[in-house]
Amino acid sequence: MSEKANSPVIILIVLIVLALLLAGGGFFLFQKEHAKNLALQDELEEIKTKQKVTETRLDESKRMLTALDTKLKETRSQMDLLSGDLEKEKKAKADALSQIGQLRGELEQQKSLRSDLEDKLTLAQSDMRAAQGQLKEIESQRIELENKIAALENKSADLETKMQGVELGKIVVTPEKEKRELTKKEKAVAAKKEKAAAKKEMAVAVKNEPVASAGLEGKILVINKDYSFAVINLGTKDGVAVGDMFSIYRGAKYMGDIQVSKVHDSMAAADFSSEEMKDAVSEGDKVVRKS
């Protein structure tokens, strides 16, 4: 009976102990959850604070982004202006380079023309020196002929004086004297003939001076294929004038015609009648003036 009576008490005690344990465990858990809740609240407050700071920074970033966007637009506008200026400068540079190229071409052309003129001047000077030499030679020949004519005239005058001083009545006509008298006459006739020949030679020399004639002949000195003209050894001293036409011959073969465009003292420049002629003719070919 006593064991049965103690059994509920033990059970009650056990239940009380269990209840206390459960209450203690629940209180412990409550305290733990409370502490965790407080920690979570602190973390939440901290997160809110950080969120506010982040929102503030975000606003500042938005303002900075707006300012940067404005600056970007201004920069793009400036870049567009600079691009336009750069294009203008590029175009101006291209125009300047084009003008420089054109000026260089003109300069090269002027150099070529200058070189050609210098060559022509050198050739003209050479021809002038040759002409001066020929003129001196002709002058020397003329002086020599004049001296010969003067000597012949003196001889003729002496012979005539001697003939006039002879008295025909005092001469005895014998074969030897007659022969000697004929010899003197023959000498006088020969002297007259020599005088006439000298005058004729002088006349020929005078005739050989420059006279404009249709059959005037010369030769080609230089051929300029770049500008299609030839230089001949005839000039104003030979009676050549601008516009004169000359036929070119190689031996008996007719090569074509050229027309005088420029004339100097002892040479002339003549243009080809066709472009093919500059490759067909050669230096040294004969030229004959057409009537």
C-alpha atoms as a PDB file:
ATOM      1  CA  MET A   1       0.000   0.000   0.000  1.00  0.00           C
ATOM      2  CA  SER A   2       2.775   2.400   0.849  1.00  0.00           C
ATOM      3  CA  GLU A   3       4.535   1.820  -2.464  1.00  0.00           C
ATOM      4  CA  LYS A   4       1.324   2.529  -4.369  1.00  0.00           C
ATOM      5  CA  ALA A   5       0.888   5.740  -2.315  1.00  0.00           C
ATOM      6  CA  ASN A   6       4.447   6.930  -3.054  1.00  0.00           C
ATOM      7  CA  SER A   7       4.155   6.254  -6.769  1.00  0.00           C
ATOM      8  CA  PRO A   8       2.065   9.336  -7.633  1.00  0.00           C
ATOM      9  CA  VAL A   9       4.301  11.504  -5.544  1.00  0.00           C
ATOM     10  CA  ILE A  10       7.312  10.326  -7.401  1.00  0.00           C
ATOM     11  CA  ILE A  11       5.536  10.836 -10.674  1.00  0.00           C
ATOM     12  CA  LEU A  12       4.509  14.293  -9.546  1.00  0.00           C
ATOM     13  CA  ILE A  13       8.042  15.078  -8.517  1.00  0.00           C
ATOM     14  CA  VAL A  14       9.298  13.831 -11.809  1.00  0.00           C
ATOM     15  CA  LEU A  15       6.706  15.909 -13.598  1.00  0.00           C
ATOM     16  CA  ILE A  16       7.655  18.940 -11.538  1.00  0.00           C
ATOM     17  CA  VAL A  17      11.298  18.380 -12.311  1.00  0.00           C
ATOM     18  CA  LEU A  18      10.456  17.958 -15.963  1.00  0.00           C
ATOM     19  CA  ALA A  19       8.322  21.087 -15.831  1.00  0.00           C
ATOM     20  CA  LEU A  20      11.153  22.958 -14.172  1.00  0.00           C
ATOM     21  CA  LEU A  21      13.573  21.650 -16.735  1.00  0.00           C
ATOM     22  CA  LEU A  22      11.187  22.582 -19.516  1.00  0.00           C
ATOM     23  CA  ALA A  23      10.624  25.984 -17.986  1.00  0.00           C
ATOM     24  CA  GLY A  24      14.336  26.516 -17.560  1.00  0.00           C
ATOM     25  CA  GLY A  25      14.978  25.310 -21.087  1.00  0.00           C
ATOM     26  CA  GLY A  26      12.182  27.512 -22.372  1.00  0.00           C
ATOM     27  CA  PHE A  27      13.528  30.490 -20.415  1.00  0.00           C
ATOM     28  CA  PHE A  28      16.981  29.769 -21.714  1.00  0.00           C
ATOM     29  CA  LEU A  29      15.676  29.514 -25.225  1.00  0.00           C
ATOM     30  CA  PHE A  30      13.638  32.698 -24.665  1.00  0.00           C
ATOM     31  CA  GLN A  31      16.708  34.532 -23.421  1.00  0.00           C
ATOM     32  CA  LYS A  32      18.699  33.180 -26.320  1.00  0.00           C
ATOM     33  CA  GLU A  33      16.020  34.232 -28.852  1.00  0.00           C
ATOM     34  CA  HIS A  34      15.707  37.578 -27.115  1.00  0.00           C
ATOM     35  CA  ALA A  35      19.447  38.101 -27.333  1.00  0.00           C
ATOM     36  CA  LYS A  36      19.376  36.988 -30.963  1.00  0.00           C
ATOM     37  CA  ASN A  37      16.441  39.329 -31.635  1.00  0.00           C
ATOM     38  CA  LEU A  38      18.344  42.204 -30.060  1.00  0.00           C
ATOM     39  CA  ALA A  39      21.393  41.325 -32.176  1.00  0.00           C
ATOM     40  CA  LEU A  40      19.192  41.158 -35.270  1.00  0.00           C
ATOM     41  CA  GLN A  41      17.651  44.531 -34.396  1.00  0.00           C
ATOM     42  CA  ASP A  42      21.144  45.988 -33.980  1.00  0.00           C
ATOM     43  CA  GLU A  43      22.130  44.498 -37.310  1.00  0.00           C
ATOM     44  CA  LEU A  44      18.906  45.867 -38.831  1.00  0.00           C
ATOM     45  CA  GLU A  45      19.646  49.321 -37.463  1.00  0.00           C
ATOM     46  CA  GLU A  46      23.172  49.063 -38.778  1.00  0.00           C
ATOM     47  CA  ILE A  47      21.878  47.900 -42.155  1.00  0.00           C
ATOM     48  CA  LYS A  48      19.394  50.802 -42.189  1.00  0.00           C
ATOM     49  CA  THR A  49      22.210  53.181 -41.354  1.00  0.00           C
ATOM     50  CA  LYS A  50      24.339  51.668 -44.101  1.00  0.00           C
ATOM     51  CA  GLN A  51      21.341  51.844 -46.449  1.00  0.00           C
ATOM     52  CA  LYS A  52      20.929  55.545 -45.686  1.00  0.00           C
ATOM     53  CA  VAL A  53      24.642  56.104 -46.278  1.00  0.00           C
ATOM     54  CA  THR A  54      24.391  54.050 -49.456  1.00  0.00           C
ATOM     55  CA  GLU A  55      21.318  56.023 -50.584  1.00  0.00           C
ATOM     56  CA  THR A  56      23.192  59.250 -49.842  1.00  0.00           C
ATOM     57  CA  ARG A  57      26.177  58.042 -51.856  1.00  0.00           C
ATOM     58  CA  LEU A  58      23.811  56.856 -54.566  1.00  0.00           C
ATOM     59  CA  ASP A  59      22.280  60.325 -54.752  1.00  0.00           C
ATOM     60  CA  GLU A  60      25.737  61.835 -54.918  1.00  0.00           C
ATOM     61  CA  SER A  61      26.661  59.309 -57.595  1.00  0.00           C
ATOM     62  CA  LYS A  62      23.512  60.217 -59.543  1.00  0.00           C
ATOM     63  CA  ARG A  63      24.411  63.898 -59.288  1.00  0.00           C
ATOM     64  CA  MET A  64      27.966  63.123 -60.358  1.00  0.00           C
ATOM     65  CA  LEU A  65      26.631  60.945 -63.175  1.00  0.00           C
ATOM     66  CA  THR A  66      24.371  63.787 -64.314  1.00  0.00           C
ATOM     67  CA  ALA A  67      27.321  66.194 -64.181  1.00  0.00           C
ATOM     68  CA  LEU A  68      29.496  63.697 -66.030  1.00  0.00           C
ATOM     69  CA  ASP A  69      26.761  63.201 -68.618  1.00  0.00           C
ATOM     70  CA  THR A  70      26.587  66.972 -69.088  1.00  0.00           C
ATOM     71  CA  LYS A  71      30.370  67.137 -69.419  1.00  0.00           C
ATOM     72  CA  LEU A  72      30.269  64.205 -71.830  1.00  0.00           C
ATOM     73  CA  LYS A  73      27.746  66.026 -73.987  1.00  0.00           C
ATOM     74  CA  GLU A  74      29.903  69.163 -73.891  1.00  0.00           C
ATOM     75  CA  THR A  75      32.986  67.070 -74.713  1.00  0.00           C
ATOM     76  CA  ARG A  76      31.171  65.419 -77.616  1.00  0.00           C
ATOM     77  CA  SER A  77      30.119  68.839 -78.890  1.00  0.00           C
ATOM     78  CA  GLN A  78      33.713  70.058 -78.632  1.00  0.00           C
ATOM     79  CA  MET A  79      34.897  66.867 -80.344  1.00  0.00           C
ATOM     80  CA  ASP A  80      32.416  67.481 -83.160  1.00  0.00           C
ATOM     81  CA  LEU A  81      33.745  71.026 -83.512  1.00  0.00           C
ATOM     82  CA  LEU A  82      37.329  69.765 -83.439  1.00  0.00           C
ATOM     83  CA  SER A  83      36.464  67.085 -85.995  1.00  0.00           C
ATOM     84  CA  GLY A  84      35.004  69.756 -88.256  1.00  0.00           C
ATOM     85  CA  ASP A  85      38.113  71.908 -87.829  1.00  0.00           C
ATOM     86  CA  LEU A  86      40.303  68.851 -88.453  1.00  0.00           C
ATOM     87  CA  GLU A  87      38.433  68.060 -91.665  1.00  0.00           C
ATOM     88  CA  LYS A  88      38.843  71.661 -92.773  1.00  0.00           C
ATOM     89  CA  GLU A  89      42.562  71.521 -91.991  1.00  0.00           C
ATOM     90  CA  LYS A  90      42.870  68.204 -93.848  1.00  0.00           C
ATOM     91  CA  LYS A  91      41.136  69.706 -96.866  1.00  0.00           C
ATOM     92  CA  ALA A  92      43.326  72.825 -96.675  1.00  0.00           C
ATOM     93  CA  LYS A  93      46.412  70.599 -96.389  1.00  0.00           C
ATOM     94  CA  ALA A  94      45.293  68.529 -99.391  1.00  0.00           C
ATOM     95  CA  ASP A  95      44.718  71.731-101.403  1.00  0.00           C
ATOM     96  CA  ALA A  96      48.147  73.029-100.345  1.00  0.00           C
ATOM     97  CA  LEU A  97      49.787  69.731-101.350  1.00  0.00           C
ATOM     98  CA  SER A  98      47.977  69.866-104.689  1.00  0.00           C
ATOM     99  CA  GLN A  99      49.181  73.420-105.266  1.00  0.00           C
ATOM    100  CA  ILE A 100      52.713  72.401-104.257  1.00  0.00           C
ATOM    101  CA  GLY A 101      52.590  69.511-106.750  1.00  0.00           C
ATOM    102  CA  GLN A 102      51.353  71.851-109.460  1.00  0.00           C
ATOM    103  CA  LEU A 103      54.084  74.373-108.650  1.00  0.00           C
ATOM    104  CA  ARG A 104      56.674  71.602-108.734  1.00  0.00           C
ATOM    105  CA  GLY A 105      55.425  70.534-112.152  1.00  0.00           C
ATOM    106  CA  GLU A 106      55.608  74.103-113.405  1.00  0.00           C
ATOM    107  CA  LEU A 107      59.091  74.436-111.876  1.00  0.00           C
ATOM    108  CA  GLU A 108      60.262  71.263-113.641  1.00  0.00           C
ATOM    109  CA  GLN A 109      58.795  72.569-116.895  1.00  0.00           C
ATOM    110  CA  GLN A 110      60.565  75.912-116.397  1.00  0.00           C
ATOM    111  CA  LYS A 111      63.822  74.066-115.668  1.00  0.00           C
ATOM    112  CA  SER A 112      63.377  72.015-118.834  1.00  0.00           C
ATOM    113  CA  LEU A 113      62.647  75.144-120.879  1.00  0.00           C
ATOM    114  CA  ARG A 114      65.627  76.895-119.315  1.00  0.00           C
ATOM    115  CA  SER A 115      67.898  73.941-120.087  1.00  0.00           C
ATOM    116  CA  ASP A 116      66.582  73.867-123.664  1.00  0.00           C
ATOM    117  CA  LEU A 117      67.158  77.608-124.035  1.00  0.00           C
ATOM    118  CA  GLU A 118      70.657  77.272-122.585  1.00  0.00           C
ATOM    119  CA  ASP A 119      71.393  74.495-125.084  1.00  0.00           C
ATOM    120  CA  LYS A 120      70.059  76.657-127.900  1.00  0.00           C
ATOM    121  CA  LEU A 121      72.090  79.621-126.633  1.00  0.00           C
ATOM    122  CA  THR A 122      75.236  77.483-126.497  1.00  0.00           C
ATOM    123  CA  LEU A 123      74.538  76.251-130.014  1.00  0.00           C
ATOM    124  CA  ALA A 124      73.888  79.805-131.192  1.00  0.00           C
ATOM    125  CA  GLN A 125      77.130  80.997-129.610  1.00  0.00           C
ATOM    126  CA  SER A 126      79.007  78.144-131.254  1.00  0.00           C
ATOM    127  CA  ASP A 127      77.442  78.969-134.622  1.00  0.00           C
ATOM    128  CA  MET A 128      78.195  82.655-134.071  1.00  0.00           C
ATOM    129  CA  ARG A 129      81.852  81.862-133.392  1.00  0.00           C
ATOM    130  CA  ALA A 130      81.932  79.663-136.499  1.00  0.00           C
ATOM    131  CA  ALA A 131      80.289  82.435-138.515  1.00  0.00           C
ATOM    132  CA  GLN A 132      82.784  84.967-137.170  1.00  0.00           C
ATOM    133  CA  GLY A 133      85.603  82.622-138.202  1.00  0.00           C
ATOM    134  CA  GLN A 134      84.077  82.269-141.664  1.00  0.00           C
ATOM    135  CA  LEU A 135      83.622  86.049-141.865  1.00  0.00           C
ATOM    136  CA  LYS A 136      87.280  86.595-140.960  1.00  0.00           C
ATOM    137  CA  GLU A 137      88.295  84.043-143.568  1.00  0.00           C
ATOM    138  CA  ILE A 138      86.132  85.732-146.211  1.00  0.00           C
ATOM    139  CA  GLU A 139      87.543  89.123-145.187  1.00  0.00           C
ATOM    140  CA  SER A 140      91.067  87.729-145.494  1.00  0.00           C
ATOM    141  CA  GLN A 141      90.242  86.324-148.938  1.00  0.00           C
ATOM    142  CA  ARG A 142      88.737  89.661-149.957  1.00  0.00           C
ATOM    143  CA  ILE A 143      91.852  91.549-148.842  1.00  0.00           C
ATOM    144  CA  GLU A 144      94.040  89.027-150.653  1.00  0.00           C
ATOM    145  CA  LEU A 145      91.967  89.440-153.842  1.00  0.00           C
ATOM    146  CA  GLU A 146      92.114  93.215-153.557  1.00  0.00           C
ATOM    147  CA  ASN A 147      95.883  92.997-153.162  1.00  0.00           C
ATOM    148  CA  LYS A 148      96.106  90.736-156.219  1.00  0.00           C
ATOM    149  CA  ILE A 149      93.920  93.121-158.222  1.00  0.00           C
ATOM    150  CA  ALA A 150      96.049  96.076-157.143  1.00  0.00           C
ATOM    151  CA  ALA A 151      99.233  94.208-158.130  1.00  0.00           C
ATOM    152  CA  LEU A 152      97.743  93.289-161.508  1.00  0.00           C
ATOM    153  CA  GLU A 153      96.630  96.867-162.078  1.00  0.00           C
ATOM    154  CA  ASN A 154     100.156  98.092-161.273  1.00  0.00           C
ATOM    155  CA  LYS A 155     101.653  95.536-163.679  1.00  0.00           C
ATOM    156  CA  SER A 156      99.168  96.546-166.356  1.00  0.00           C
ATOM    157  CA  ALA A 157      99.966 100.248-165.826  1.00  0.00           C
ATOM    158  CA  ASP A 158     103.703  99.551-166.073  1.00  0.00           C
ATOM    159  CA  LEU A 159     103.224  97.581-169.271  1.00  0.00           C
ATOM    160  CA  GLU A 160     101.068 100.308-170.816  1.00  0.00           C
ATOM    161  CA  THR A 161     103.692 102.934-169.870  1.00  0.00           C
ATOM    162  CA  LYS A 162     106.444 100.891-171.465  1.00  0.00           C
ATOM    163  CA  MET A 163     104.361 100.370-174.607  1.00  0.00           C
ATOM    164  CA  GLN A 164     103.652 104.081-174.919  1.00  0.00           C
ATOM    165  CA  GLY A 165     107.418 104.933-174.630  1.00  0.00           C
ATOM    166  CA  VAL A 166     108.350 102.833-177.656  1.00  0.00           C
ATOM    167  CA  GLU A 167     108.644 104.649-181.024  1.00  0.00           C
ATOM    168  CA  LEU A 168     107.358 102.355-183.738  1.00  0.00           C
ATOM    169  CA  GLY A 169     109.368 104.125-186.473  1.00  0.00           C
ATOM    170  CA  LYS A 170     112.701 103.207-184.830  1.00  0.00           C
ATOM    171  CA  ILE A 171     111.908  99.530-184.696  1.00  0.00           C
ATOM    172  CA  VAL A 172     113.496  97.450-187.475  1.00  0.00           C
ATOM    173  CA  VAL A 173     111.081  94.782-188.558  1.00  0.00           C
ATOM    174  CA  THR A 174     112.964  91.524-188.328  1.00  0.00           C
ATOM    175  CA  PRO A 175     111.656  88.110-187.395  1.00  0.00           C
ATOM    176  CA  GLU A 176     113.370  88.208-183.954  1.00  0.00           C
ATOM    177  CA  LYS A 177     112.213  91.771-183.131  1.00  0.00           C
ATOM    178  CA  GLU A 178     108.777  90.992-184.414  1.00  0.00           C
ATOM    179  CA  LYS A 179     108.733  87.948-182.262  1.00  0.00           C
ATOM    180  CA  ARG A 180     109.893  90.027-179.234  1.00  0.00           C
ATOM    181  CA  GLU A 181     107.236  92.677-179.909  1.00  0.00           C
ATOM    182  CA  LEU A 182     104.502  90.013-180.128  1.00  0.00           C
ATOM    183  CA  THR A 183     105.678  88.583-176.845  1.00  0.00           C
ATOM    184  CA  LYS A 184     105.214  91.956-175.152  1.00  0.00           C
ATOM    185  CA  LYS A 185     101.743  92.264-176.595  1.00  0.00           C
ATOM    186  CA  GLU A 186     100.938  88.804-175.441  1.00  0.00           C
ATOM    187  CA  LYS A 187     102.186  89.785-172.007  1.00  0.00           C
ATOM    188  CA  ALA A 188      99.909  92.823-172.014  1.00  0.00           C
ATOM    189  CA  VAL A 189      96.969  90.694-173.152  1.00  0.00           C
ATOM    190  CA  ALA A 190      97.800  88.126-170.469  1.00  0.00           C
ATOM    191  CA  ALA A 191      97.970  90.882-167.868  1.00  0.00           C
ATOM    192  CA  LYS A 192      94.549  92.140-168.933  1.00  0.00           C
ATOM    193  CA  LYS A 193      93.192  88.620-168.861  1.00  0.00           C
ATOM    194  CA  GLU A 194      94.610  88.086-165.364  1.00  0.00           C
ATOM    195  CA  LYS A 195      93.079  91.377-164.264  1.00  0.00           C
ATOM    196  CA  ALA A 196      89.700  90.361-165.709  1.00  0.00           C
ATOM    197  CA  ALA A 197      89.972  86.940-164.020  1.00  0.00           C
ATOM    198  CA  ALA A 198      90.710  88.606-160.668  1.00  0.00           C
ATOM    199  CA  LYS A 199      87.699  90.882-161.087  1.00  0.00           C
ATOM    200  CA  LYS A 200      85.571  87.870-161.980  1.00  0.00           C
ATOM    201  CA  GLU A 201      86.829  86.009-158.899  1.00  0.00           C
ATOM    202  CA  MET A 202      85.970  89.037-156.771  1.00  0.00           C
ATOM    203  CA  ALA A 203      82.498  89.150-158.312  1.00  0.00           C
ATOM    204  CA  VAL A 204      82.017  85.457-157.524  1.00  0.00           C
ATOM    205  CA  ALA A 205      83.036  86.092-153.916  1.00  0.00           C
ATOM    206  CA  VAL A 206      80.529  88.934-153.724  1.00  0.00           C
ATOM    207  CA  LYS A 207      77.837  86.700-155.217  1.00  0.00           C
ATOM    208  CA  ASN A 208      78.483  84.115-152.528  1.00  0.00           C
ATOM    209  CA  GLU A 209      77.362  86.561-149.858  1.00  0.00           C
ATOM    210  CA  PRO A 210      73.926  85.799-148.194  1.00  0.00           C
ATOM    211  CA  VAL A 211      71.104  86.141-150.707  1.00  0.00           C
ATOM    212  CA  ALA A 212      67.583  84.794-150.300  1.00  0.00           C
ATOM    213  CA  SER A 213      67.220  82.085-152.945  1.00  0.00           C
ATOM    214  CA  ALA A 214      64.623  79.372-153.389  1.00  0.00           C
ATOM    215  CA  GLY A 215      67.116  76.481-153.697  1.00  0.00           C
ATOM    216  CA  LEU A 216      69.053  77.313-150.513  1.00  0.00           C
ATOM    217  CA  GLU A 217      70.604  74.150-149.040  1.00  0.00           C
ATOM    218  CA  GLY A 218      71.780  73.263-145.546  1.00  0.00           C
ATOM    219  CA  LYS A 219      71.662  70.414-143.074  1.00  0.00           C
ATOM    220  CA  ILE A 220      70.077  69.417-139.784  1.00  0.00           C
ATOM    221  CA  LEU A 221      72.270  70.104-136.745  1.00  0.00           C
ATOM    222  CA  VAL A 222      70.059  68.985-133.828  1.00  0.00           C
ATOM    223  CA  ILE A 223      66.737  67.176-133.438  1.00  0.00           C
ATOM    224  CA  ASN A 224      64.618  67.820-130.329  1.00  0.00           C
ATOM    225  CA  LYS A 225      62.100  64.976-130.137  1.00  0.00           C
ATOM    226  CA  ASP A 226      60.513  66.223-126.885  1.00  0.00           C
ATOM    227  CA  TYR A 227      59.277  69.473-128.501  1.00  0.00           C
ATOM    228  CA  SER A 228      59.185  68.215-132.135  1.00  0.00           C
ATOM    229  CA  PHE A 229      61.540  70.653-133.835  1.00  0.00           C
ATOM    230  CA  ALA A 230      64.888  70.596-135.622  1.00  0.00           C
ATOM    231  CA  VAL A 231      67.773  73.092-135.751  1.00  0.00           C
ATOM    232  CA  ILE A 232      69.348  73.751-139.170  1.00  0.00           C
ATOM    233  CA  ASN A 233      72.641  75.498-140.018  1.00  0.00           C
ATOM    234  CA  LEU A 234      70.976  78.354-141.922  1.00  0.00           C
ATOM    235  CA  GLY A 235      69.939  81.714-140.492  1.00  0.00           C
ATOM    236  CA  THR A 236      69.309  85.352-141.263  1.00  0.00           C
ATOM    237  CA  LYS A 237      72.763  85.668-142.819  1.00  0.00           C
ATOM    238  CA  ASP A 238      71.589  83.118-145.397  1.00  0.00           C
ATOM    239  CA  GLY A 239      68.322  84.953-146.061  1.00  0.00           C
ATOM    240  CA  VAL A 240      66.143  82.602-143.970  1.00  0.00           C
ATOM    241  CA  ALA A 241      62.960  84.059-142.456  1.00  0.00           C
ATOM    242  CA  VAL A 242      60.184  82.817-140.171  1.00  0.00           C
ATOM    243  CA  GLY A 243      57.626  80.810-142.140  1.00  0.00           C
ATOM    244  CA  ASP A 244      60.073  79.473-144.753  1.00  0.00           C
ATOM    245  CA  MET A 245      59.464  75.845-145.749  1.00  0.00           C
ATOM    246  CA  PHE A 246      62.331  73.373-146.186  1.00  0.00           C
ATOM    247  CA  SER A 247      62.261  69.844-147.612  1.00  0.00           C
ATOM    248  CA  ILE A 248      64.395  67.169-145.930  1.00  0.00           C
ATOM    249  CA  TYR A 249      66.395  64.678-148.028  1.00  0.00           C
ATOM    250  CA  ARG A 250      68.542  61.726-147.129  1.00  0.00           C
ATOM    251  CA  GLY A 251      70.526  61.280-150.262  1.00  0.00           C
ATOM    252  CA  ALA A 252      67.842  61.370-152.985  1.00  0.00           C
ATOM    253  CA  LYS A 253      65.059  60.189-150.659  1.00  0.00           C
ATOM    254  CA  TYR A 254      62.453  62.796-149.680  1.00  0.00           C
ATOM    255  CA  MET A 255      61.747  62.610-145.901  1.00  0.00           C
ATOM    256  CA  GLY A 256      59.207  65.416-145.396  1.00  0.00           C
ATOM    257  CA  ASP A 257      58.905  69.173-144.750  1.00  0.00           C
ATOM    258  CA  ILE A 258      59.705  71.526-141.877  1.00  0.00           C
ATOM    259  CA  GLN A 259      58.668  75.154-141.314  1.00  0.00           C
ATOM    260  CA  VAL A 260      60.907  77.780-139.712  1.00  0.00           C
ATOM    261  CA  SER A 261      59.541  79.138-136.409  1.00  0.00           C
ATOM    262  CA  LYS A 262      62.591  80.961-134.991  1.00  0.00           C
ATOM    263  CA  VAL A 263      65.623  82.455-136.760  1.00  0.00           C
ATOM    264  CA  HIS A 264      69.081  83.461-135.492  1.00  0.00           C
ATOM    265  CA  ASP A 265      72.154  84.728-137.320  1.00  0.00           C
ATOM    266  CA  SER A 266      73.582  81.359-138.328  1.00  0.00           C
ATOM    267  CA  MET A 267      70.858  78.859-137.412  1.00  0.00           C
ATOM    268  CA  ALA A 268      67.089  78.437-137.317  1.00  0.00           C
ATOM    269  CA  ALA A 269      64.536  76.294-135.474  1.00  0.00           C
ATOM    270  CA  ALA A 270      61.910  74.587-137.651  1.00  0.00           C
ATOM    271  CA  ASP A 271      58.825  72.562-136.665  1.00  0.00           C
ATOM    272  CA  PHE A 272      58.060  69.154-138.209  1.00  0.00           C
ATOM    273  CA  SER A 273      54.996  68.885-140.402  1.00  0.00           C
ATOM    274  CA  SER A 274      54.039  65.615-138.631  1.00  0.00           C
ATOM    275  CA  GLU A 275      54.892  63.859-135.358  1.00  0.00           C
ATOM    276  CA  GLU A 276      56.271  60.802-137.185  1.00  0.00           C
ATOM    277  CA  MET A 277      59.020  62.836-138.852  1.00  0.00           C
ATOM    278  CA  LYS A 278      60.968  63.392-135.617  1.00  0.00           C
ATOM    279  CA  ASP A 279      61.702  59.655-135.503  1.00  0.00           C
ATOM    280  CA  ALA A 280      62.350  59.325-139.244  1.00  0.00           C
ATOM    281  CA  VAL A 281      64.902  62.105-139.842  1.00  0.00           C
ATOM    282  CA  SER A 282      68.449  62.231-138.488  1.00  0.00           C
ATOM    283  CA  GLU A 283      71.102  64.819-137.793  1.00  0.00           C
ATOM    284  CA  GLY A 284      73.091  65.563-140.912  1.00  0.00           C
ATOM    285  CA  ASP A 285      70.133  65.148-143.330  1.00  0.00           C
ATOM    286  CA  LYS A 286      70.073  67.749-146.135  1.00  0.00           C
ATOM    287  CA  VAL A 287      67.454  70.527-146.155  1.00  0.00           C
ATOM    288  CA  VAL A 288      66.437  72.484-149.285  1.00  0.00           C
ATOM    289  CA  ARG A 289      64.250  75.610-149.210  1.00  0.00           C
ATOM    290  CA  LYS A 290      61.051  75.276-151.176  1.00  0.00           C
ATOM    291  CA  SER A 291      60.100  77.944-153.684  1.00  0.00           C
END
